[in-house]
Amino acid sequence: TGAIIKNEPPISSLIAQSESLVTVPAIISEIRDAATRSRV
């Protein structure tokens, strides 16, 4: 959750550096802030 909420490093960097990004459903559920949820 921390990396997703803080956007640090930026999502674009994660995508550029990794073939695959994964997480568990509970992590997405933990994002409550509307702006962060929209960005995600």
Full PDB file with SEQRES, HELIX, SHEET, SSBOND, CRYST1, ORIGX, SCALE, CONECT and MASTER records, all heavy atoms in Angstrom:
SEQRES   1 A   40  THR GLY ALA ILE ILE LYS ASN GLU PRO PRO ILE SER SER          
SEQRES   2 A   40  LEU ILE ALA GLN SER GLU SER LEU VAL THR VAL PRO ALA          
SEQRES   3 A   40  ILE ILE SER GLU ILE ARG ASP ALA ALA THR ARG SER ARG          
SEQRES   4 A   40  VAL                                                          
HELIX    1 AA1 GLY A    2  LYS A    6  1                                   5    
HELIX    2 AA2 ILE A   11  GLN A   17  1                                   7    
HELIX    3 AA3 PRO A   25  SER A   29  1                                   5    
HELIX    4 AA4 ALA A   34  ARG A   39  1                                   6    
CRYST1    1.000    1.000    1.000  90.00  90.00  90.00 P 1           1          
ORIGX1      1.000000  0.000000  0.000000        0.00000                         
ORIGX2      0.000000  1.000000  0.000000        0.00000                         
ORIGX3      0.000000  0.000000  1.000000        0.00000                         
SCALE1      1.000000  0.000000  0.000000        0.00000                         
SCALE2      0.000000  1.000000  0.000000        0.00000                         
SCALE3      0.000000  0.000000  1.000000        0.00000                         
ATOM      1  N   THR A   1       0.800  -1.219   0.000  1.00  0.00           N  
ATOM      2  CA  THR A   1       0.000   0.000   0.000  1.00  0.00           C  
ATOM      3  C   THR A   1       0.836   1.274   0.000  1.00  0.00           C  
ATOM      4  O   THR A   1       0.527   2.225  -0.714  1.00  0.00           O  
ATOM      5  CB  THR A   1      -0.939   0.028   1.229  1.00  0.00           C  
ATOM      6  OG1 THR A   1      -1.592  -1.223   1.327  1.00  0.00           O  
ATOM      7  CG2 THR A   1      -1.976   1.116   1.102  1.00  0.00           C  
ATOM      8  N   GLY A   2       1.886   1.315   0.804  1.00  0.00           N  
ATOM      9  CA  GLY A   2       2.698   2.529   0.941  1.00  0.00           C  
ATOM     10  C   GLY A   2       3.216   3.044  -0.389  1.00  0.00           C  
ATOM     11  O   GLY A   2       3.094   4.231  -0.701  1.00  0.00           O  
ATOM     12  N   ALA A   3       3.793   2.164  -1.187  1.00  0.00           N  
ATOM     13  CA  ALA A   3       4.328   2.577  -2.493  1.00  0.00           C  
ATOM     14  C   ALA A   3       3.225   3.083  -3.409  1.00  0.00           C  
ATOM     15  O   ALA A   3       3.423   4.040  -4.164  1.00  0.00           O  
ATOM     16  CB  ALA A   3       5.056   1.408  -3.147  1.00  0.00           C  
ATOM     17  N   ILE A   4       2.067   2.475  -3.326  1.00  0.00           N  
ATOM     18  CA  ILE A   4       0.950   2.883  -4.180  1.00  0.00           C  
ATOM     19  C   ILE A   4       0.414   4.245  -3.747  1.00  0.00           C  
ATOM     20  O   ILE A   4       0.216   5.134  -4.574  1.00  0.00           O  
ATOM     21  CB  ILE A   4      -0.160   1.811  -4.160  1.00  0.00           C  
ATOM     22  CG1 ILE A   4       0.348   0.516  -4.796  1.00  0.00           C  
ATOM     23  CG2 ILE A   4      -1.408   2.319  -4.873  1.00  0.00           C  
ATOM     24  CD1 ILE A   4      -0.590  -0.661  -4.659  1.00  0.00           C  
ATOM     25  N   ILE A   5       0.195   4.422  -2.448  1.00  0.00           N  
ATOM     26  CA  ILE A   5      -0.365   5.683  -1.951  1.00  0.00           C  
ATOM     27  C   ILE A   5       0.611   6.838  -2.150  1.00  0.00           C  
ATOM     28  O   ILE A   5       0.229   7.906  -2.625  1.00  0.00           O  
ATOM     29  CB  ILE A   5      -0.766   5.555  -0.463  1.00  0.00           C  
ATOM     30  CG1 ILE A   5      -1.981   4.627  -0.346  1.00  0.00           C  
ATOM     31  CG2 ILE A   5      -1.060   6.910   0.157  1.00  0.00           C  
ATOM     32  CD1 ILE A   5      -2.373   4.284   1.077  1.00  0.00           C  
ATOM     33  N   LYS A   6       1.878   6.635  -1.808  1.00  0.00           N  
ATOM     34  CA  LYS A   6       2.880   7.703  -1.925  1.00  0.00           C  
ATOM     35  C   LYS A   6       3.272   7.977  -3.366  1.00  0.00           C  
ATOM     36  O   LYS A   6       3.809   9.041  -3.668  1.00  0.00           O  
ATOM     37  CB  LYS A   6       4.131   7.333  -1.125  1.00  0.00           C  
ATOM     38  CG  LYS A   6       3.896   7.307   0.370  1.00  0.00           C  
ATOM     39  CD  LYS A   6       5.152   6.843   1.090  1.00  0.00           C  
ATOM     40  CE  LYS A   6       4.880   6.647   2.566  1.00  0.00           C  
ATOM     41  NZ  LYS A   6       5.990   5.991   3.247  1.00  0.00           N  
ATOM     42  N   ASN A   7       3.023   6.998  -4.257  1.00  0.00           N  
ATOM     43  CA  ASN A   7       3.435   7.108  -5.657  1.00  0.00           C  
ATOM     44  C   ASN A   7       4.938   7.384  -5.753  1.00  0.00           C  
ATOM     45  O   ASN A   7       5.394   8.185  -6.556  1.00  0.00           O  
ATOM     46  CB  ASN A   7       2.620   8.180  -6.393  1.00  0.00           C  
ATOM     47  CG  ASN A   7       2.723   8.030  -7.901  1.00  0.00           C  
ATOM     48  OD1 ASN A   7       2.889   6.921  -8.419  1.00  0.00           O  
ATOM     49  ND2 ASN A   7       2.631   9.137  -8.614  1.00  0.00           N  
ATOM     50  N   GLU A   8       5.690   6.731  -4.891  1.00  0.00           N  
ATOM     51  CA  GLU A   8       7.142   6.908  -4.844  1.00  0.00           C  
ATOM     52  C   GLU A   8       7.805   5.551  -4.781  1.00  0.00           C  
ATOM     53  O   GLU A   8       7.640   4.849  -3.785  1.00  0.00           O  
ATOM     54  CB  GLU A   8       7.513   7.739  -3.612  1.00  0.00           C  
ATOM     55  CG  GLU A   8       8.942   8.162  -3.543  1.00  0.00           C  
ATOM     56  CD  GLU A   8       9.403   8.989  -4.741  1.00  0.00           C  
ATOM     57  OE1 GLU A   8       8.682   9.890  -5.200  1.00  0.00           O  
ATOM     58  OE2 GLU A   8      10.495   8.703  -5.221  1.00  0.00           O  
ATOM     59  N   PRO A   9       8.494   5.124  -5.792  1.00  0.00           N  
ATOM     60  CA  PRO A   9       8.723   5.815  -7.057  1.00  0.00           C  
ATOM     61  C   PRO A   9       7.428   5.890  -7.882  1.00  0.00           C  
ATOM     62  O   PRO A   9       6.511   5.112  -7.644  1.00  0.00           O  
ATOM     63  CB  PRO A   9       9.774   4.957  -7.761  1.00  0.00           C  
ATOM     64  CG  PRO A   9       9.652   3.605  -7.148  1.00  0.00           C  
ATOM     65  CD  PRO A   9       9.145   3.804  -5.756  1.00  0.00           C  
ATOM     66  N   PRO A  10       7.403   6.802  -8.822  1.00  0.00           N  
ATOM     67  CA  PRO A  10       6.194   6.969  -9.639  1.00  0.00           C  
ATOM     68  C   PRO A  10       5.828   5.685 -10.387  1.00  0.00           C  
ATOM     69  O   PRO A  10       6.699   4.898 -10.747  1.00  0.00           O  
ATOM     70  CB  PRO A  10       6.558   8.072 -10.629  1.00  0.00           C  
ATOM     71  CG  PRO A  10       7.759   8.737 -10.061  1.00  0.00           C  
ATOM     72  CD  PRO A  10       8.454   7.739  -9.197  1.00  0.00           C  
ATOM     73  N   ILE A  11       4.560   5.517 -10.608  1.00  0.00           N  
ATOM     74  CA  ILE A  11       4.059   4.336 -11.307  1.00  0.00           C  
ATOM     75  C   ILE A  11       4.762   4.158 -12.645  1.00  0.00           C  
ATOM     76  O   ILE A  11       5.117   3.047 -13.031  1.00  0.00           O  
ATOM     77  CB  ILE A  11       2.527   4.419 -11.474  1.00  0.00           C  
ATOM     78  CG1 ILE A  11       1.869   4.293 -10.098  1.00  0.00           C  
ATOM     79  CG2 ILE A  11       2.006   3.359 -12.419  1.00  0.00           C  
ATOM     80  CD1 ILE A  11       0.404   4.639 -10.070  1.00  0.00           C  
ATOM     81  N   SER A  12       5.011   5.250 -13.348  1.00  0.00           N  
ATOM     82  CA  SER A  12       5.681   5.148 -14.653  1.00  0.00           C  
ATOM     83  C   SER A  12       7.070   4.513 -14.518  1.00  0.00           C  
ATOM     84  O   SER A  12       7.488   3.741 -15.374  1.00  0.00           O  
ATOM     85  CB  SER A  12       5.793   6.526 -15.312  1.00  0.00           C  
ATOM     86  OG  SER A  12       6.510   7.415 -14.473  1.00  0.00           O  
ATOM     87  N   SER A  13       7.778   4.804 -13.435  1.00  0.00           N  
ATOM     88  CA  SER A  13       9.092   4.201 -13.198  1.00  0.00           C  
ATOM     89  C   SER A  13       8.966   2.708 -12.914  1.00  0.00           C  
ATOM     90  O   SER A  13       9.775   1.901 -13.383  1.00  0.00           O  
ATOM     91  CB  SER A  13       9.802   4.866 -12.016  1.00  0.00           C  
ATOM     92  OG  SER A  13      10.112   6.193 -12.326  1.00  0.00           O  
ATOM     93  N   LEU A  14       7.953   2.336 -12.123  1.00  0.00           N  
ATOM     94  CA  LEU A  14       7.743   0.922 -11.815  1.00  0.00           C  
ATOM     95  C   LEU A  14       7.453   0.133 -13.087  1.00  0.00           C  
ATOM     96  O   LEU A  14       8.004  -0.942 -13.303  1.00  0.00           O  
ATOM     97  CB  LEU A  14       6.587   0.755 -10.824  1.00  0.00           C  
ATOM     98  CG  LEU A  14       6.759   1.395  -9.449  1.00  0.00           C  
ATOM     99  CD1 LEU A  14       5.494   1.193  -8.621  1.00  0.00           C  
ATOM    100  CD2 LEU A  14       7.978   0.870  -8.731  1.00  0.00           C  
ATOM    101  N   ILE A  15       6.601   0.692 -13.932  1.00  0.00           N  
ATOM    102  CA  ILE A  15       6.237   0.034 -15.189  1.00  0.00           C  
ATOM    103  C   ILE A  15       7.459  -0.080 -16.104  1.00  0.00           C  
ATOM    104  O   ILE A  15       7.668  -1.108 -16.747  1.00  0.00           O  
ATOM    105  CB  ILE A  15       5.081   0.789 -15.882  1.00  0.00           C  
ATOM    106  CG1 ILE A  15       3.812   0.664 -15.036  1.00  0.00           C  
ATOM    107  CG2 ILE A  15       4.845   0.278 -17.298  1.00  0.00           C  
ATOM    108  CD1 ILE A  15       2.705   1.625 -15.429  1.00  0.00           C  
ATOM    109  N   ALA A  16       8.265   0.956 -16.142  1.00  0.00           N  
ATOM    110  CA  ALA A  16       9.450   0.951 -17.005  1.00  0.00           C  
ATOM    111  C   ALA A  16      10.515  -0.036 -16.531  1.00  0.00           C  
ATOM    112  O   ALA A  16      11.281  -0.552 -17.343  1.00  0.00           O  
ATOM    113  CB  ALA A  16      10.052   2.356 -17.077  1.00  0.00           C  
ATOM    114  N   GLN A  17      10.576  -0.291 -15.234  1.00  0.00           N  
ATOM    115  CA  GLN A  17      11.632  -1.127 -14.677  1.00  0.00           C  
ATOM    116  C   GLN A  17      11.246  -2.596 -14.496  1.00  0.00           C  
ATOM    117  O   GLN A  17      12.111  -3.429 -14.248  1.00  0.00           O  
ATOM    118  CB  GLN A  17      12.075  -0.569 -13.318  1.00  0.00           C  
ATOM    119  CG  GLN A  17      12.724   0.788 -13.411  1.00  0.00           C  
ATOM    120  CD  GLN A  17      14.031   0.739 -14.172  1.00  0.00           C  
ATOM    121  OE1 GLN A  17      14.897  -0.064 -13.879  1.00  0.00           O  
ATOM    122  NE2 GLN A  17      14.172   1.585 -15.179  1.00  0.00           N  
ATOM    123  N   SER A  18       9.962  -2.914 -14.568  1.00  0.00           N  
ATOM    124  CA  SER A  18       9.514  -4.268 -14.244  1.00  0.00           C  
ATOM    125  C   SER A  18       8.615  -4.840 -15.323  1.00  0.00           C  
ATOM    126  O   SER A  18       7.760  -4.154 -15.864  1.00  0.00           O  
ATOM    127  CB  SER A  18       8.765  -4.236 -12.913  1.00  0.00           C  
ATOM    128  OG  SER A  18       8.260  -5.501 -12.598  1.00  0.00           O  
ATOM    129  N   GLU A  19       8.791  -6.128 -15.568  1.00  0.00           N  
ATOM    130  CA  GLU A  19       7.928  -6.823 -16.517  1.00  0.00           C  
ATOM    131  C   GLU A  19       6.521  -7.004 -15.973  1.00  0.00           C  
ATOM    132  O   GLU A  19       5.562  -7.032 -16.729  1.00  0.00           O  
ATOM    133  CB  GLU A  19       8.521  -8.192 -16.857  1.00  0.00           C  
ATOM    134  CG  GLU A  19       9.810  -8.115 -17.642  1.00  0.00           C  
ATOM    135  CD  GLU A  19      10.365  -9.490 -17.945  1.00  0.00           C  
ATOM    136  OE1 GLU A  19       9.575 -10.416 -18.183  1.00  0.00           O  
ATOM    137  OE2 GLU A  19      11.585  -9.634 -17.941  1.00  0.00           O  
ATOM    138  N   SER A  20       6.407  -7.129 -14.645  1.00  0.00           N  
ATOM    139  CA  SER A  20       5.120  -7.448 -14.045  1.00  0.00           C  
ATOM    140  C   SER A  20       4.972  -6.751 -12.697  1.00  0.00           C  
ATOM    141  O   SER A  20       5.898  -6.740 -11.891  1.00  0.00           O  
ATOM    142  CB  SER A  20       5.031  -8.972 -13.858  1.00  0.00           C  
ATOM    143  OG  SER A  20       3.860  -9.338 -13.191  1.00  0.00           O  
ATOM    144  N   LEU A  21       3.801  -6.169 -12.463  1.00  0.00           N  
ATOM    145  CA  LEU A  21       3.454  -5.563 -11.177  1.00  0.00           C  
ATOM    146  C   LEU A  21       2.299  -6.364 -10.597  1.00  0.00           C  
ATOM    147  O   LEU A  21       1.297  -6.583 -11.279  1.00  0.00           O  
ATOM    148  CB  LEU A  21       3.021  -4.104 -11.356  1.00  0.00           C  
ATOM    149  CG  LEU A  21       4.011  -3.159 -12.017  1.00  0.00           C  
ATOM    150  CD1 LEU A  21       3.358  -1.798 -12.251  1.00  0.00           C  
ATOM    151  CD2 LEU A  21       5.262  -3.015 -11.179  1.00  0.00           C  
ATOM    152  N   VAL A  22       2.441  -6.813  -9.341  1.00  0.00           N  
ATOM    153  CA  VAL A  22       1.375  -7.593  -8.711  1.00  0.00           C  
ATOM    154  C   VAL A  22       1.116  -7.096  -7.296  1.00  0.00           C  
ATOM    155  O   VAL A  22       1.987  -6.502  -6.663  1.00  0.00           O  
ATOM    156  CB  VAL A  22       1.688  -9.113  -8.673  1.00  0.00           C  
ATOM    157  CG1 VAL A  22       1.799  -9.700 -10.056  1.00  0.00           C  
ATOM    158  CG2 VAL A  22       2.925  -9.406  -7.865  1.00  0.00           C  
ATOM    159  N   THR A  23      -0.091  -7.351  -6.824  1.00  0.00           N  
ATOM    160  CA  THR A  23      -0.449  -7.079  -5.438  1.00  0.00           C  
ATOM    161  C   THR A  23      -1.604  -7.984  -5.067  1.00  0.00           C  
ATOM    162  O   THR A  23      -2.130  -8.721  -5.910  1.00  0.00           O  
ATOM    163  CB  THR A  23      -0.780  -5.596  -5.193  1.00  0.00           C  
ATOM    164  OG1 THR A  23      -0.745  -5.347  -3.780  1.00  0.00           O  
ATOM    165  CG2 THR A  23      -2.124  -5.199  -5.759  1.00  0.00           C  
ATOM    166  N   VAL A  24      -2.012  -7.909  -3.820  1.00  0.00           N  
ATOM    167  CA  VAL A  24      -3.144  -8.705  -3.334  1.00  0.00           C  
ATOM    168  C   VAL A  24      -4.387  -7.822  -3.272  1.00  0.00           C  
ATOM    169  O   VAL A  24      -4.279  -6.595  -3.154  1.00  0.00           O  
ATOM    170  CB  VAL A  24      -2.839  -9.328  -1.948  1.00  0.00           C  
ATOM    171  CG1 VAL A  24      -1.669 -10.300  -2.052  1.00  0.00           C  
ATOM    172  CG2 VAL A  24      -2.578  -8.288  -0.896  1.00  0.00           C  
ATOM    173  N   PRO A  25      -5.575  -8.400  -3.336  1.00  0.00           N  
ATOM    174  CA  PRO A  25      -6.806  -7.598  -3.312  1.00  0.00           C  
ATOM    175  C   PRO A  25      -6.915  -6.673  -2.097  1.00  0.00           C  
ATOM    176  O   PRO A  25      -7.417  -5.547  -2.219  1.00  0.00           O  
ATOM    177  CB  PRO A  25      -7.923  -8.648  -3.296  1.00  0.00           C  
ATOM    178  CG  PRO A  25      -7.311  -9.873  -3.897  1.00  0.00           C  
ATOM    179  CD  PRO A  25      -5.862  -9.836  -3.514  1.00  0.00           C  
ATOM    180  N   ALA A  26      -6.442  -7.110  -0.944  1.00  0.00           N  
ATOM    181  CA  ALA A  26      -6.566  -6.303   0.279  1.00  0.00           C  
ATOM    182  C   ALA A  26      -5.833  -4.967   0.160  1.00  0.00           C  
ATOM    183  O   ALA A  26      -6.249  -3.972   0.765  1.00  0.00           O  
ATOM    184  CB  ALA A  26      -6.032  -7.083   1.481  1.00  0.00           C  
ATOM    185  N   ILE A  27      -4.768  -4.912  -0.613  1.00  0.00           N  
ATOM    186  CA  ILE A  27      -3.993  -3.675  -0.756  1.00  0.00           C  
ATOM    187  C   ILE A  27      -4.822  -2.620  -1.477  1.00  0.00           C  
ATOM    188  O   ILE A  27      -4.863  -1.458  -1.063  1.00  0.00           O  
ATOM    189  CB  ILE A  27      -2.659  -3.942  -1.494  1.00  0.00           C  
ATOM    190  CG1 ILE A  27      -1.782  -4.898  -0.680  1.00  0.00           C  
ATOM    191  CG2 ILE A  27      -1.934  -2.655  -1.835  1.00  0.00           C  
ATOM    192  CD1 ILE A  27      -1.481  -4.465   0.741  1.00  0.00           C  
ATOM    193  N   ILE A  28      -5.505  -3.002  -2.520  1.00  0.00           N  
ATOM    194  CA  ILE A  28      -6.354  -2.051  -3.251  1.00  0.00           C  
ATOM    195  C   ILE A  28      -7.497  -1.589  -2.349  1.00  0.00           C  
ATOM    196  O   ILE A  28      -7.860  -0.413  -2.340  1.00  0.00           O  
ATOM    197  CB  ILE A  28      -6.889  -2.687  -4.557  1.00  0.00           C  
ATOM    198  CG1 ILE A  28      -5.722  -3.095  -5.471  1.00  0.00           C  
ATOM    199  CG2 ILE A  28      -7.839  -1.745  -5.276  1.00  0.00           C  
ATOM    200  CD1 ILE A  28      -4.780  -1.974  -5.870  1.00  0.00           C  
ATOM    201  N   SER A  29      -8.023  -2.488  -1.527  1.00  0.00           N  
ATOM    202  CA  SER A  29      -9.111  -2.146  -0.599  1.00  0.00           C  
ATOM    203  C   SER A  29      -8.671  -1.139   0.454  1.00  0.00           C  
ATOM    204  O   SER A  29      -9.500  -0.399   0.986  1.00  0.00           O  
ATOM    205  CB  SER A  29      -9.622  -3.402   0.108  1.00  0.00           C  
ATOM    206  OG  SER A  29     -10.099  -4.318  -0.824  1.00  0.00           O  
ATOM    207  N   GLU A  30      -7.371  -1.121   0.787  1.00  0.00           N  
ATOM    208  CA  GLU A  30      -6.870  -0.196   1.807  1.00  0.00           C  
ATOM    209  C   GLU A  30      -6.805   1.254   1.331  1.00  0.00           C  
ATOM    210  O   GLU A  30      -6.657   2.161   2.135  1.00  0.00           O  
ATOM    211  CB  GLU A  30      -5.474  -0.625   2.274  1.00  0.00           C  
ATOM    212  CG  GLU A  30      -5.470  -1.863   3.124  1.00  0.00           C  
ATOM    213  CD  GLU A  30      -4.078  -2.231   3.625  1.00  0.00           C  
ATOM    214  OE1 GLU A  30      -3.071  -1.728   3.080  1.00  0.00           O  
ATOM    215  OE2 GLU A  30      -4.000  -3.025   4.575  1.00  0.00           O  
ATOM    216  N   ILE A  31      -6.914   1.484   0.036  1.00  0.00           N  
ATOM    217  CA  ILE A  31      -6.823   2.844  -0.508  1.00  0.00           C  
ATOM    218  C   ILE A  31      -8.188   3.515  -0.389  1.00  0.00           C  
ATOM    219  O   ILE A  31      -9.123   3.188  -1.105  1.00  0.00           O  
ATOM    220  CB  ILE A  31      -6.335   2.832  -1.964  1.00  0.00           C  
ATOM    221  CG1 ILE A  31      -4.963   2.169  -2.037  1.00  0.00           C  
ATOM    222  CG2 ILE A  31      -6.292   4.244  -2.537  1.00  0.00           C  
ATOM    223  CD1 ILE A  31      -4.492   1.871  -3.434  1.00  0.00           C  
ATOM    224  N   ARG A  32      -8.280   4.454   0.546  1.00  0.00           N  
ATOM    225  CA  ARG A  32      -9.569   5.091   0.836  1.00  0.00           C  
ATOM    226  C   ARG A  32      -9.674   6.514   0.283  1.00  0.00           C  
ATOM    227  O   ARG A  32     -10.748   6.991  -0.013  1.00  0.00           O  
ATOM    228  CB  ARG A  32      -9.799   5.107   2.345  1.00  0.00           C  
ATOM    229  CG  ARG A  32      -9.717   3.710   2.953  1.00  0.00           C  
ATOM    230  CD  ARG A  32     -10.647   3.533   4.112  1.00  0.00           C  
ATOM    231  NE  ARG A  32     -10.493   2.339   4.919  1.00  0.00           N  
ATOM    232  CZ  ARG A  32     -10.542   1.087   4.514  1.00  0.00           C  
ATOM    233  NH1 ARG A  32     -10.675   0.819   3.254  1.00  0.00           N  
ATOM    234  NH2 ARG A  32     -10.440   0.081   5.357  1.00  0.00           N  
ATOM    235  N   ASP A  33      -8.549   7.190   0.149  1.00  0.00           N  
ATOM    236  CA  ASP A  33      -8.528   8.564  -0.335  1.00  0.00           C  
ATOM    237  C   ASP A  33      -9.007   8.598  -1.792  1.00  0.00           C  
ATOM    238  O   ASP A  33      -8.490   7.876  -2.646  1.00  0.00           O  
ATOM    239  CB  ASP A  33      -7.100   9.116  -0.222  1.00  0.00           C  
ATOM    240  CG  ASP A  33      -6.942  10.471  -0.866  1.00  0.00           C  
ATOM    241  OD1 ASP A  33      -7.591  11.420  -0.406  1.00  0.00           O  
ATOM    242  OD2 ASP A  33      -6.175  10.554  -1.854  1.00  0.00           O  
ATOM    243  N   ALA A  34      -9.992   9.447  -2.073  1.00  0.00           N  
ATOM    244  CA  ALA A  34     -10.613   9.495  -3.403  1.00  0.00           C  
ATOM    245  C   ALA A  34      -9.614   9.851  -4.502  1.00  0.00           C  
ATOM    246  O   ALA A  34      -9.622   9.243  -5.577  1.00  0.00           O  
ATOM    247  CB  ALA A  34     -11.773  10.488  -3.410  1.00  0.00           C  
ATOM    248  N   ALA A  35      -8.743  10.817  -4.249  1.00  0.00           N  
ATOM    249  CA  ALA A  35      -7.773  11.228  -5.271  1.00  0.00           C  
ATOM    250  C   ALA A  35      -6.778  10.097  -5.565  1.00  0.00           C  
ATOM    251  O   ALA A  35      -6.465   9.826  -6.730  1.00  0.00           O  
ATOM    252  CB  ALA A  35      -7.028  12.482  -4.818  1.00  0.00           C  
ATOM    253  N   THR A  36      -6.312   9.439  -4.514  1.00  0.00           N  
ATOM    254  CA  THR A  36      -5.376   8.332  -4.704  1.00  0.00           C  
ATOM    255  C   THR A  36      -6.061   7.174  -5.418  1.00  0.00           C  
ATOM    256  O   THR A  36      -5.495   6.584  -6.338  1.00  0.00           O  
ATOM    257  CB  THR A  36      -4.816   7.857  -3.346  1.00  0.00           C  
ATOM    258  OG1 THR A  36      -4.185   8.954  -2.706  1.00  0.00           O  
ATOM    259  CG2 THR A  36      -3.825   6.731  -3.521  1.00  0.00           C  
ATOM    260  N   ARG A  37      -7.284   6.867  -5.013  1.00  0.00           N  
ATOM    261  CA  ARG A  37      -8.028   5.780  -5.650  1.00  0.00           C  
ATOM    262  C   ARG A  37      -8.220   6.068  -7.140  1.00  0.00           C  
ATOM    263  O   ARG A  37      -8.035   5.188  -7.982  1.00  0.00           O  
ATOM    264  CB  ARG A  37      -9.387   5.583  -4.978  1.00  0.00           C  
ATOM    265  CG  ARG A  37     -10.136   4.383  -5.529  1.00  0.00           C  
ATOM    266  CD  ARG A  37     -11.359   4.034  -4.732  1.00  0.00           C  
ATOM    267  NE  ARG A  37     -11.162   3.145  -3.617  1.00  0.00           N  
ATOM    268  CZ  ARG A  37     -10.734   1.890  -3.698  1.00  0.00           C  
ATOM    269  NH1 ARG A  37     -10.388   1.406  -4.849  1.00  0.00           N  
ATOM    270  NH2 ARG A  37     -10.630   1.131  -2.643  1.00  0.00           N  
ATOM    271  N   SER A  38      -8.548   7.317  -7.483  1.00  0.00           N  
ATOM    272  CA  SER A  38      -8.728   7.698  -8.882  1.00  0.00           C  
ATOM    273  C   SER A  38      -7.422   7.533  -9.662  1.00  0.00           C  
ATOM    274  O   SER A  38      -7.414   6.999 -10.772  1.00  0.00           O  
ATOM    275  CB  SER A  38      -9.220   9.143  -8.966  1.00  0.00           C  
ATOM    276  OG  SER A  38      -9.308   9.538 -10.303  1.00  0.00           O  
ATOM    277  N   ARG A  39      -6.299   7.989  -9.071  1.00  0.00           N  
ATOM    278  CA  ARG A  39      -4.991   7.854  -9.725  1.00  0.00           C  
ATOM    279  C   ARG A  39      -4.656   6.388  -9.946  1.00  0.00           C  
ATOM    280  O   ARG A  39      -4.215   5.990 -11.029  1.00  0.00           O  
ATOM    281  CB  ARG A  39      -3.900   8.528  -8.891  1.00  0.00           C  
ATOM    282  CG  ARG A  39      -2.503   8.348  -9.473  1.00  0.00           C  
ATOM    283  CD  ARG A  39      -1.409   9.031  -8.664  1.00  0.00           C  
ATOM    284  NE  ARG A  39      -1.451   8.829  -7.239  1.00  0.00           N  
ATOM    285  CZ  ARG A  39      -1.015   7.730  -6.603  1.00  0.00           C  
ATOM    286  NH1 ARG A  39      -0.535   6.722  -7.291  1.00  0.00           N  
ATOM    287  NH2 ARG A  39      -1.076   7.660  -5.290  1.00  0.00           N  
ATOM    288  N   VAL A  40      -4.891   5.575  -8.936  1.00  0.00           N  
ATOM    289  CA  VAL A  40      -4.598   4.143  -9.039  1.00  0.00           C  
ATOM    290  C   VAL A  40      -5.455   3.498 -10.118  1.00  0.00           C  
ATOM    291  O   VAL A  40      -4.962   2.731 -10.950  1.00  0.00           O  
ATOM    292  CB  VAL A  40      -4.798   3.452  -7.673  1.00  0.00           C  
ATOM    293  CG1 VAL A  40      -4.825   1.938  -7.811  1.00  0.00           C  
ATOM    294  CG2 VAL A  40      -3.710   3.895  -6.699  1.00  0.00           C  
TER     295      VAL A  40                                                      
MASTER        0    0    0    4    0    0    0    6  294    1    0    4          
END                                                                             
